[in-house]
């Protein structure tokens, strides 16, 4: 066997595991989440793109959830895996979209 020209050549072609998850923002007892596309190996920061937000304590005319479905679909087509909670939010958002458009 010969040694690869570059020491980590076998890792060069490995595809990075990308996830779509919630990143918490907001203050104490006032949660607010950005929906971000990120490398799953990084626990904090390093998001590739913000594709929406989720505000679980929205009141009145405040928007609870907004997602850029074109970008979400783009990342899903490239193998990104949504977290469990984001998968639930996506499902409910897609159901609400046709009703809002009508």
PDB file of N, CA and C in Angstrom:
ATOM      1  N   UNK A   1       0.836  -1.199   0.000  1.00  0.00           N
ATOM      2  CA  UNK A   1       0.000   0.000   0.000  1.00  0.00           C
ATOM      3  C   UNK A   1       0.867   1.243   0.000  1.00  0.00           C
ATOM      4  N   UNK A   2       0.401   2.238  -0.682  1.00  0.00           N
ATOM      5  CA  UNK A   2       1.154   3.482  -0.698  1.00  0.00           C
ATOM      6  C   UNK A   2       0.457   4.510   0.187  1.00  0.00           C
ATOM      7  N   UNK A   3       1.227   5.409   0.706  1.00  0.00           N
ATOM      8  CA  UNK A   3       0.682   6.464   1.564  1.00  0.00           C
ATOM      9  C   UNK A   3       0.034   7.526   0.681  1.00  0.00           C
ATOM     10  N   UNK A   4      -1.082   8.082   1.098  1.00  0.00           N
ATOM     11  CA  UNK A   4      -1.715   9.127   0.298  1.00  0.00           C
ATOM     12  C   UNK A   4      -0.814  10.356   0.219  1.00  0.00           C
ATOM     13  N   UNK A   5      -0.915  11.092  -0.890  1.00  0.00           N
ATOM     14  CA  UNK A   5      -0.099  12.285  -1.089  1.00  0.00           C
ATOM     15  C   UNK A   5      -0.390  13.325  -0.007  1.00  0.00           C
ATOM     16  N   UNK A   6      -1.616  13.455   0.347  1.00  0.00           N
ATOM     17  CA  UNK A   6      -2.009  14.387   1.400  1.00  0.00           C
ATOM     18  C   UNK A   6      -2.414  13.543   2.592  1.00  0.00           C
ATOM     19  N   UNK A   7      -1.944  13.842   3.815  1.00  0.00           N
ATOM     20  CA  UNK A   7      -2.191  12.948   4.955  1.00  0.00           C
ATOM     21  C   UNK A   7      -3.655  12.619   5.236  1.00  0.00           C
ATOM     22  N   UNK A   8      -4.550  13.530   4.928  1.00  0.00           N
ATOM     23  CA  UNK A   8      -5.953  13.303   5.236  1.00  0.00           C
ATOM     24  C   UNK A   8      -6.781  13.179   3.961  1.00  0.00           C
ATOM     25  N   UNK A   9      -6.188  12.657   2.914  1.00  0.00           N
ATOM     26  CA  UNK A   9      -6.868  12.549   1.628  1.00  0.00           C
ATOM     27  C   UNK A   9      -8.152  11.737   1.721  1.00  0.00           C
ATOM     28  N   UNK A  10      -8.155  10.706   2.556  1.00  0.00           N
ATOM     29  CA  UNK A  10      -9.357   9.891   2.680  1.00  0.00           C
ATOM     30  C   UNK A  10     -10.505  10.673   3.315  1.00  0.00           C
ATOM     31  N   UNK A  11     -10.180  11.695   4.101  1.00  0.00           N
ATOM     32  CA  UNK A  11     -11.217  12.503   4.739  1.00  0.00           C
ATOM     33  C   UNK A  11     -11.718  13.615   3.825  1.00  0.00           C
ATOM     34  N   UNK A  12     -10.960  13.931   2.798  1.00  0.00           N
ATOM     35  CA  UNK A  12     -11.310  15.052   1.934  1.00  0.00           C
ATOM     36  C   UNK A  12     -12.652  14.835   1.246  1.00  0.00           C
ATOM     37  N   UNK A  13     -12.948  13.606   0.882  1.00  0.00           N
ATOM     38  CA  UNK A  13     -14.177  13.322   0.141  1.00  0.00           C
ATOM     39  C   UNK A  13     -15.347  12.938   1.041  1.00  0.00           C
ATOM     40  N   UNK A  14     -15.126  12.892   2.324  1.00  0.00           N
ATOM     41  CA  UNK A  14     -16.201  12.546   3.254  1.00  0.00           C
ATOM     42  C   UNK A  14     -17.189  13.709   3.325  1.00  0.00           C
ATOM     43  N   UNK A  15     -18.450  13.379   3.260  1.00  0.00           N
ATOM     44  CA  UNK A  15     -19.474  14.413   3.306  1.00  0.00           C
ATOM     45  C   UNK A  15     -19.739  14.815   4.748  1.00  0.00           C
ATOM     46  N   UNK A  16     -19.841  16.098   4.985  1.00  0.00           N
ATOM     47  CA  UNK A  16     -20.105  16.621   6.313  1.00  0.00           C
ATOM     48  C   UNK A  16     -21.561  16.391   6.677  1.00  0.00           C
ATOM     49  N   UNK A  17     -21.811  15.959   7.904  1.00  0.00           N
ATOM     50  CA  UNK A  17     -23.175  15.760   8.384  1.00  0.00           C
ATOM     51  C   UNK A  17     -23.753  17.126   8.742  1.00  0.00           C
ATOM     52  N   UNK A  18     -24.795  17.502   8.039  1.00  0.00           N
ATOM     53  CA  UNK A  18     -25.429  18.804   8.233  1.00  0.00           C
ATOM     54  C   UNK A  18     -26.797  18.583   8.862  1.00  0.00           C
ATOM     55  N   UNK A  19     -27.112  19.396   9.868  1.00  0.00           N
ATOM     56  CA  UNK A  19     -28.412  19.300  10.528  1.00  0.00           C
ATOM     57  C   UNK A  19     -29.129  20.643  10.480  1.00  0.00           C
ATOM     58  N   UNK A  20     -30.440  20.573  10.568  1.00  0.00           N
ATOM     59  CA  UNK A  20     -31.275  21.769  10.710  1.00  0.00           C
ATOM     60  C   UNK A  20     -31.819  21.690  12.125  1.00  0.00           C
ATOM     61  N   UNK A  21     -31.463  22.657  12.945  1.00  0.00           N
ATOM     62  CA  UNK A  21     -31.829  22.595  14.354  1.00  0.00           C
ATOM     63  C   UNK A  21     -32.189  23.976  14.879  1.00  0.00           C
ATOM     64  N   UNK A  22     -32.636  24.004  16.131  1.00  0.00           N
ATOM     65  CA  UNK A  22     -32.971  25.261  16.789  1.00  0.00           C
ATOM     66  C   UNK A  22     -31.755  25.772  17.553  1.00  0.00           C
ATOM     67  N   UNK A  23     -31.520  27.073  17.468  1.00  0.00           N
ATOM     68  CA  UNK A  23     -30.451  27.701  18.230  1.00  0.00           C
ATOM     69  C   UNK A  23     -31.115  28.745  19.135  1.00  0.00           C
ATOM     70  N   UNK A  24     -30.991  28.558  20.433  1.00  0.00           N
ATOM     71  CA  UNK A  24     -31.700  29.418  21.364  1.00  0.00           C
ATOM     72  C   UNK A  24     -31.099  30.812  21.426  1.00  0.00           C
ATOM     73  N   UNK A  25     -31.993  31.771  21.417  1.00  0.00           N
ATOM     74  CA  UNK A  25     -31.669  33.173  21.621  1.00  0.00           C
ATOM     75  C   UNK A  25     -32.729  33.723  22.555  1.00  0.00           C
ATOM     76  N   UNK A  26     -32.637  34.962  22.914  1.00  0.00           N
ATOM     77  CA  UNK A  26     -33.638  35.554  23.796  1.00  0.00           C
ATOM     78  C   UNK A  26     -33.147  35.563  25.223  1.00  0.00           C
ATOM     79  N   UNK A  27     -33.937  36.144  26.088  1.00  0.00           N
ATOM     80  CA  UNK A  27     -33.545  36.306  27.479  1.00  0.00           C
ATOM     81  C   UNK A  27     -34.073  35.207  28.383  1.00  0.00           C
ATOM     82  N   UNK A  28     -33.789  35.417  29.661  1.00  0.00           N
ATOM     83  CA  UNK A  28     -34.257  34.473  30.669  1.00  0.00           C
ATOM     84  C   UNK A  28     -35.785  34.452  30.677  1.00  0.00           C
ATOM     85  N   UNK A  29     -36.350  33.267  30.611  1.00  0.00           N
ATOM     86  CA  UNK A  29     -37.799  33.044  30.576  1.00  0.00           C
ATOM     87  C   UNK A  29     -38.479  33.714  29.380  1.00  0.00           C
ATOM     88  N   UNK A  30     -37.717  34.061  28.370  1.00  0.00           N
ATOM     89  CA  UNK A  30     -38.247  34.603  27.124  1.00  0.00           C
ATOM     90  C   UNK A  30     -37.554  33.897  25.963  1.00  0.00           C
ATOM     91  N   UNK A  31     -37.850  32.615  25.748  1.00  0.00           N
ATOM     92  CA  UNK A  31     -37.139  31.880  24.709  1.00  0.00           C
ATOM     93  C   UNK A  31     -37.493  32.374  23.310  1.00  0.00           C
ATOM     94  N   UNK A  32     -36.496  32.359  22.466  1.00  0.00           N
ATOM     95  CA  UNK A  32     -36.646  32.682  21.051  1.00  0.00           C
ATOM     96  C   UNK A  32     -35.599  31.843  20.333  1.00  0.00           C
ATOM     97  N   UNK A  33     -35.988  31.193  19.253  1.00  0.00           N
ATOM     98  CA  UNK A  33     -35.074  30.272  18.589  1.00  0.00           C
ATOM     99  C   UNK A  33     -34.892  30.648  17.128  1.00  0.00           C
ATOM    100  N   UNK A  34     -33.652  30.592  16.662  1.00  0.00           N
ATOM    101  CA  UNK A  34     -33.364  30.684  15.239  1.00  0.00           C
ATOM    102  C   UNK A  34     -33.331  29.264  14.711  1.00  0.00           C
ATOM    103  N   UNK A  35     -33.917  29.039  13.545  1.00  0.00           N
ATOM    104  CA  UNK A  35     -33.810  27.747  12.874  1.00  0.00           C
ATOM    105  C   UNK A  35     -32.594  27.871  11.962  1.00  0.00           C
ATOM    106  N   UNK A  36     -31.559  27.064  12.243  1.00  0.00           N
ATOM    107  CA  UNK A  36     -30.298  27.202  11.528  1.00  0.00           C
ATOM    108  C   UNK A  36     -29.866  25.886  10.905  1.00  0.00           C
ATOM    109  N   UNK A  37     -29.102  26.010   9.844  1.00  0.00           N
ATOM    110  CA  UNK A  37     -28.442  24.871   9.212  1.00  0.00           C
ATOM    111  C   UNK A  37     -27.013  24.900   9.726  1.00  0.00           C
ATOM    112  N   UNK A  38     -26.562  23.787  10.302  1.00  0.00           N
ATOM    113  CA  UNK A  38     -25.249  23.775  10.923  1.00  0.00           C
ATOM    114  C   UNK A  38     -24.575  22.422  10.786  1.00  0.00           C
ATOM    115  N   UNK A  39     -23.279  22.411  10.987  1.00  0.00           N
ATOM    116  CA  UNK A  39     -22.503  21.173  11.014  1.00  0.00           C
ATOM    117  C   UNK A  39     -22.829  20.470  12.326  1.00  0.00           C
ATOM    118  N   UNK A  40     -23.227  19.217  12.258  1.00  0.00           N
ATOM    119  CA  UNK A  40     -23.668  18.507  13.461  1.00  0.00           C
ATOM    120  C   UNK A  40     -22.540  18.280  14.460  1.00  0.00           C
ATOM    121  N   UNK A  41     -21.297  18.386  14.021  1.00  0.00           N
ATOM    122  CA  UNK A  41     -20.173  18.153  14.928  1.00  0.00           C
ATOM    123  C   UNK A  41     -19.874  19.352  15.813  1.00  0.00           C
ATOM    124  N   UNK A  42     -20.509  20.488  15.528  1.00  0.00           N
ATOM    125  CA  UNK A  42     -20.295  21.680  16.333  1.00  0.00           C
ATOM    126  C   UNK A  42     -21.510  21.897  17.227  1.00  0.00           C
ATOM    127  N   UNK A  43     -21.278  21.983  18.515  1.00  0.00           N
ATOM    128  CA  UNK A  43     -22.401  22.142  19.436  1.00  0.00           C
ATOM    129  C   UNK A  43     -22.845  23.597  19.554  1.00  0.00           C
ATOM    130  N   UNK A  44     -21.929  24.536  19.395  1.00  0.00           N
ATOM    131  CA  UNK A  44     -22.255  25.943  19.565  1.00  0.00           C
ATOM    132  C   UNK A  44     -21.733  26.724  18.365  1.00  0.00           C
ATOM    133  N   UNK A  45     -22.560  27.635  17.873  1.00  0.00           N
ATOM    134  CA  UNK A  45     -22.110  28.505  16.787  1.00  0.00           C
ATOM    135  C   UNK A  45     -21.844  27.752  15.505  1.00  0.00           C
ATOM    136  N   UNK A  46     -21.187  28.408  14.598  1.00  0.00           N
ATOM    137  CA  UNK A  46     -20.814  27.782  13.350  1.00  0.00           C
ATOM    138  C   UNK A  46     -21.969  27.469  12.422  1.00  0.00           C
ATOM    139  N   UNK A  47     -23.070  28.207  12.527  1.00  0.00           N
ATOM    140  CA  UNK A  47     -24.197  27.910  11.652  1.00  0.00           C
ATOM    141  C   UNK A  47     -23.854  28.322  10.221  1.00  0.00           C
ATOM    142  N   UNK A  48     -24.323  27.537   9.280  1.00  0.00           N
ATOM    143  CA  UNK A  48     -24.076  27.808   7.871  1.00  0.00           C
ATOM    144  C   UNK A  48     -25.064  28.828   7.324  1.00  0.00           C
ATOM    145  N   UNK A  49     -26.318  28.734   7.805  1.00  0.00           N
ATOM    146  CA  UNK A  49     -27.353  29.625   7.298  1.00  0.00           C
ATOM    147  C   UNK A  49     -28.540  29.628   8.260  1.00  0.00           C
ATOM    148  N   UNK A  50     -29.142  30.800   8.440  1.00  0.00           N
ATOM    149  CA  UNK A  50     -30.372  30.893   9.224  1.00  0.00           C
ATOM    150  C   UNK A  50     -31.536  30.804   8.255  1.00  0.00           C
ATOM    151  N   UNK A  51     -32.456  29.858   8.488  1.00  0.00           N
ATOM    152  CA  UNK A  51     -33.570  29.644   7.565  1.00  0.00           C
ATOM    153  C   UNK A  51     -34.928  29.981   8.177  1.00  0.00           C
ATOM    154  N   UNK A  52     -34.938  30.520   9.380  1.00  0.00           N
ATOM    155  CA  UNK A  52     -36.206  30.900   9.979  1.00  0.00           C
ATOM    156  C   UNK A  52     -36.088  31.158  11.464  1.00  0.00           C
ATOM    157  N   UNK A  53     -37.248  31.315  12.107  1.00  0.00           N
ATOM    158  CA  UNK A  53     -37.263  31.483  13.559  1.00  0.00           C
ATOM    159  C   UNK A  53     -38.508  30.837  14.142  1.00  0.00           C
ATOM    160  N   UNK A  54     -38.441  30.596  15.458  1.00  0.00           N
ATOM    161  CA  UNK A  54     -39.557  30.021  16.211  1.00  0.00           C
ATOM    162  C   UNK A  54     -39.667  30.783  17.517  1.00  0.00           C
ATOM    163  N   UNK A  55     -40.847  31.346  17.779  1.00  0.00           N
ATOM    164  CA  UNK A  55     -41.099  32.096  18.997  1.00  0.00           C
ATOM    165  C   UNK A  55     -42.220  31.397  19.770  1.00  0.00           C
ATOM    166  N   UNK A  56     -41.866  30.516  20.723  1.00  0.00           N
ATOM    167  CA  UNK A  56     -42.897  29.739  21.409  1.00  0.00           C
ATOM    168  C   UNK A  56     -43.794  30.558  22.325  1.00  0.00           C
ATOM    169  N   UNK A  57     -43.407  31.771  22.679  1.00  0.00           N
ATOM    170  CA  UNK A  57     -44.226  32.590  23.571  1.00  0.00           C
ATOM    171  C   UNK A  57     -44.839  33.777  22.831  1.00  0.00           C
ATOM    172  N   UNK A  58     -45.111  33.618  21.536  1.00  0.00           N
ATOM    173  CA  UNK A  58     -45.705  34.691  20.734  1.00  0.00           C
ATOM    174  C   UNK A  58     -47.096  35.019  21.259  1.00  0.00           C
ATOM    175  N   UNK A  59     -47.365  36.311  21.337  1.00  0.00           N
ATOM    176  CA  UNK A  59     -48.683  36.769  21.814  1.00  0.00           C
ATOM    177  C   UNK A  59     -49.280  37.732  20.801  1.00  0.00           C
ATOM    178  N   UNK A  60     -50.576  37.774  20.749  1.00  0.00           N
ATOM    179  CA  UNK A  60     -51.267  38.729  19.886  1.00  0.00           C
ATOM    180  C   UNK A  60     -50.942  38.536  18.422  1.00  0.00           C
ATOM    181  N   UNK A  61     -50.523  39.612  17.774  1.00  0.00           N
ATOM    182  CA  UNK A  61     -50.244  39.567  16.338  1.00  0.00           C
ATOM    183  C   UNK A  61     -48.821  39.102  16.044  1.00  0.00           C
ATOM    184  N   UNK A  62     -48.063  38.762  17.075  1.00  0.00           N
ATOM    185  CA  UNK A  62     -46.681  38.300  16.863  1.00  0.00           C
ATOM    186  C   UNK A  62     -46.671  36.981  16.115  1.00  0.00           C
ATOM    187  N   UNK A  63     -45.704  36.847  15.250  1.00  0.00           N
ATOM    188  CA  UNK A  63     -45.564  35.634  14.453  1.00  0.00           C
ATOM    189  C   UNK A  63     -44.852  34.570  15.278  1.00  0.00           C
ATOM    190  N   UNK A  64     -45.414  33.359  15.312  1.00  0.00           N
ATOM    191  CA  UNK A  64     -44.817  32.276  16.105  1.00  0.00           C
ATOM    192  C   UNK A  64     -43.725  31.540  15.350  1.00  0.00           C
ATOM    193  N   UNK A  65     -43.943  31.340  14.061  1.00  0.00           N
ATOM    194  CA  UNK A  65     -43.000  30.539  13.281  1.00  0.00           C
ATOM    195  C   UNK A  65     -42.899  31.091  11.870  1.00  0.00           C
ATOM    196  N   UNK A  66     -41.673  31.240  11.395  1.00  0.00           N
ATOM    197  CA  UNK A  66     -41.447  31.618  10.006  1.00  0.00           C
ATOM    198  C   UNK A  66     -40.279  30.797   9.480  1.00  0.00           C
ATOM    199  N   UNK A  67     -40.478  30.176   8.324  1.00  0.00           N
ATOM    200  CA  UNK A  67     -39.438  29.374   7.699  1.00  0.00           C
ATOM    201  C   UNK A  67     -39.330  29.740   6.228  1.00  0.00           C
ATOM    202  N   UNK A  68     -38.115  29.749   5.722  1.00  0.00           N
ATOM    203  CA  UNK A  68     -37.878  29.927   4.295  1.00  0.00           C
ATOM    204  C   UNK A  68     -37.874  28.529   3.685  1.00  0.00           C
ATOM    205  N   UNK A  69     -39.037  28.086   3.224  1.00  0.00           N
ATOM    206  CA  UNK A  69     -39.191  26.707   2.749  1.00  0.00           C
ATOM    207  C   UNK A  69     -38.312  26.387   1.541  1.00  0.00           C
ATOM    208  N   UNK A  70     -38.046  27.385   0.707  1.00  0.00           N
ATOM    209  CA  UNK A  70     -37.160  27.135  -0.437  1.00  0.00           C
ATOM    210  C   UNK A  70     -35.765  26.738   0.038  1.00  0.00           C
ATOM    211  N   UNK A  71     -35.253  27.451   1.023  1.00  0.00           N
ATOM    212  CA  UNK A  71     -33.916  27.149   1.540  1.00  0.00           C
ATOM    213  C   UNK A  71     -33.914  25.852   2.349  1.00  0.00           C
ATOM    214  N   UNK A  72     -34.977  25.604   3.103  1.00  0.00           N
ATOM    215  CA  UNK A  72     -35.078  24.351   3.863  1.00  0.00           C
ATOM    216  C   UNK A  72     -35.075  23.174   2.893  1.00  0.00           C
ATOM    217  N   UNK A  73     -35.874  23.265   1.836  1.00  0.00           N
ATOM    218  CA  UNK A  73     -35.920  22.195   0.838  1.00  0.00           C
ATOM    219  C   UNK A  73     -34.570  22.025   0.143  1.00  0.00           C
ATOM    220  N   UNK A  74     -33.885  23.135  -0.085  1.00  0.00           N
ATOM    221  CA  UNK A  74     -32.549  23.086  -0.685  1.00  0.00           C
ATOM    222  C   UNK A  74     -31.605  22.250   0.179  1.00  0.00           C
ATOM    223  N   UNK A  75     -31.613  22.508   1.479  1.00  0.00           N
ATOM    224  CA  UNK A  75     -30.709  21.780   2.377  1.00  0.00           C
ATOM    225  C   UNK A  75     -31.148  20.331   2.569  1.00  0.00           C
ATOM    226  N   UNK A  76     -32.442  20.099   2.615  1.00  0.00           N
ATOM    227  CA  UNK A  76     -32.923  18.718   2.742  1.00  0.00           C
ATOM    228  C   UNK A  76     -32.543  17.893   1.517  1.00  0.00           C
ATOM    229  N   UNK A  77     -32.584  18.517   0.338  1.00  0.00           N
ATOM    230  CA  UNK A  77     -32.205  17.818  -0.888  1.00  0.00           C
ATOM    231  C   UNK A  77     -30.717  17.462  -0.884  1.00  0.00           C
ATOM    232  N   UNK A  78     -29.926  18.199  -0.129  1.00  0.00           N
ATOM    233  CA  UNK A  78     -28.496  17.943  -0.051  1.00  0.00           C
ATOM    234  C   UNK A  78     -28.113  17.068   1.137  1.00  0.00           C
ATOM    235  N   UNK A  79     -29.127  16.484   1.775  1.00  0.00           N
ATOM    236  CA  UNK A  79     -28.853  15.496   2.815  1.00  0.00           C
ATOM    237  C   UNK A  79     -28.888  16.001   4.242  1.00  0.00           C
ATOM    238  N   UNK A  80     -29.304  17.238   4.465  1.00  0.00           N
ATOM    239  CA  UNK A  80     -29.393  17.756   5.832  1.00  0.00           C
ATOM    240  C   UNK A  80     -30.484  17.013   6.590  1.00  0.00           C
ATOM    241  N   UNK A  81     -30.248  16.743   7.852  1.00  0.00           N
ATOM    242  CA  UNK A  81     -31.207  16.040   8.691  1.00  0.00           C
ATOM    243  C   UNK A  81     -31.821  17.011   9.696  1.00  0.00           C
ATOM    244  N   UNK A  82     -33.143  17.168   9.717  1.00  0.00           N
ATOM    245  CA  UNK A  82     -33.755  18.052  10.717  1.00  0.00           C
ATOM    246  C   UNK A  82     -33.788  17.365  12.084  1.00  0.00           C
ATOM    247  N   UNK A  83     -33.669  18.165  13.142  1.00  0.00           N
ATOM    248  CA  UNK A  83     -33.830  17.616  14.486  1.00  0.00           C
ATOM    249  C   UNK A  83     -35.289  17.213  14.661  1.00  0.00           C
ATOM    250  N   UNK A  84     -35.596  16.499  15.736  1.00  0.00           N
ATOM    251  CA  UNK A  84     -36.981  16.048  15.953  1.00  0.00           C
ATOM    252  C   UNK A  84     -37.937  17.221  16.032  1.00  0.00           C
ATOM    253  N   UNK A  85     -37.561  18.242  16.796  1.00  0.00           N
ATOM    254  CA  UNK A  85     -38.440  19.399  16.976  1.00  0.00           C
ATOM    255  C   UNK A  85     -38.600  20.176  15.677  1.00  0.00           C
ATOM    256  N   UNK A  86     -37.533  20.343  14.926  1.00  0.00           N
ATOM    257  CA  UNK A  86     -37.628  21.054  13.658  1.00  0.00           C
ATOM    258  C   UNK A  86     -38.487  20.272  12.673  1.00  0.00           C
ATOM    259  N   UNK A  87     -38.402  18.954  12.685  1.00  0.00           N
ATOM    260  CA  UNK A  87     -39.246  18.137  11.813  1.00  0.00           C
ATOM    261  C   UNK A  87     -40.718  18.358  12.147  1.00  0.00           C
ATOM    262  N   UNK A  88     -41.045  18.446  13.435  1.00  0.00           N
ATOM    263  CA  UNK A  88     -42.435  18.713  13.844  1.00  0.00           C
ATOM    264  C   UNK A  88     -42.874  20.106  13.385  1.00  0.00           C
ATOM    265  N   UNK A  89     -41.997  21.094  13.556  1.00  0.00           N
ATOM    266  CA  UNK A  89     -42.322  22.456  13.151  1.00  0.00           C
ATOM    267  C   UNK A  89     -42.506  22.546  11.638  1.00  0.00           C
ATOM    268  N   UNK A  90     -41.661  21.872  10.887  1.00  0.00           N
ATOM    269  CA  UNK A  90     -41.788  21.855   9.431  1.00  0.00           C
ATOM    270  C   UNK A  90     -43.132  21.274   8.999  1.00  0.00           C
ATOM    271  N   UNK A  91     -43.511  20.182   9.628  1.00  0.00           N
ATOM    272  CA  UNK A  91     -44.773  19.522   9.289  1.00  0.00           C
ATOM    273  C   UNK A  91     -45.960  20.453   9.552  1.00  0.00           C
ATOM    274  N   UNK A  92     -45.975  21.097  10.709  1.00  0.00           N
ATOM    275  CA  UNK A  92     -47.081  21.994  11.033  1.00  0.00           C
ATOM    276  C   UNK A  92     -47.064  23.247  10.155  1.00  0.00           C
ATOM    277  N   UNK A  93     -45.880  23.740   9.808  1.00  0.00           N
ATOM    278  CA  UNK A  93     -45.771  24.939   8.971  1.00  0.00           C
ATOM    279  C   UNK A  93     -46.263  24.647   7.549  1.00  0.00           C
ATOM    280  N   UNK A  94     -45.913  23.473   7.040  1.00  0.00           N
ATOM    281  CA  UNK A  94     -46.356  23.096   5.690  1.00  0.00           C
ATOM    282  C   UNK A  94     -47.871  22.924   5.639  1.00  0.00           C
ATOM    283  N   UNK A  95     -48.470  22.403   6.717  1.00  0.00           N
ATOM    284  CA  UNK A  95     -49.927  22.252   6.773  1.00  0.00           C
ATOM    285  C   UNK A  95     -50.612  23.615   6.792  1.00  0.00           C
ATOM    286  N   UNK A  96     -50.013  24.579   7.489  1.00  0.00           N
ATOM    287  CA  UNK A  96     -50.617  25.897   7.626  1.00  0.00           C
ATOM    288  C   UNK A  96     -50.445  26.750   6.376  1.00  0.00           C
ATOM    289  N   UNK A  97     -49.443  26.484   5.570  1.00  0.00           N
ATOM    290  CA  UNK A  97     -49.167  27.294   4.378  1.00  0.00           C
ATOM    291  C   UNK A  97     -50.309  27.330   3.373  1.00  0.00           C
ATOM    292  N   UNK A  98     -50.887  26.192   2.943  1.00  0.00           N
ATOM    293  CA  UNK A  98     -51.996  26.272   1.975  1.00  0.00           C
ATOM    294  C   UNK A  98     -53.201  27.021   2.541  1.00  0.00           C
ATOM    295  N   UNK A  99     -53.455  26.898   3.826  1.00  0.00           N
ATOM    296  CA  UNK A  99     -54.582  27.587   4.439  1.00  0.00           C
ATOM    297  C   UNK A  99     -54.338  29.100   4.449  1.00  0.00           C
ATOM    298  N   UNK A 100     -53.094  29.525   4.663  1.00  0.00           N
ATOM    299  CA  UNK A 100     -52.779  30.936   4.678  1.00  0.00           C
ATOM    300  C   UNK A 100     -52.836  31.535   3.267  1.00  0.00           C
ATOM    301  N   UNK A 101     -52.475  30.756   2.268  1.00  0.00           N
ATOM    302  CA  UNK A 101     -52.471  31.239   0.884  1.00  0.00           C
ATOM    303  C   UNK A 101     -53.898  31.374   0.332  1.00  0.00           C
ATOM    304  N   UNK A 102     -54.840  30.624   0.858  1.00  0.00           N
ATOM    305  CA  UNK A 102     -56.215  30.640   0.328  1.00  0.00           C
ATOM    306  C   UNK A 102     -57.016  31.817   0.804  1.00  0.00           C
TER     307      UNK A 102
END
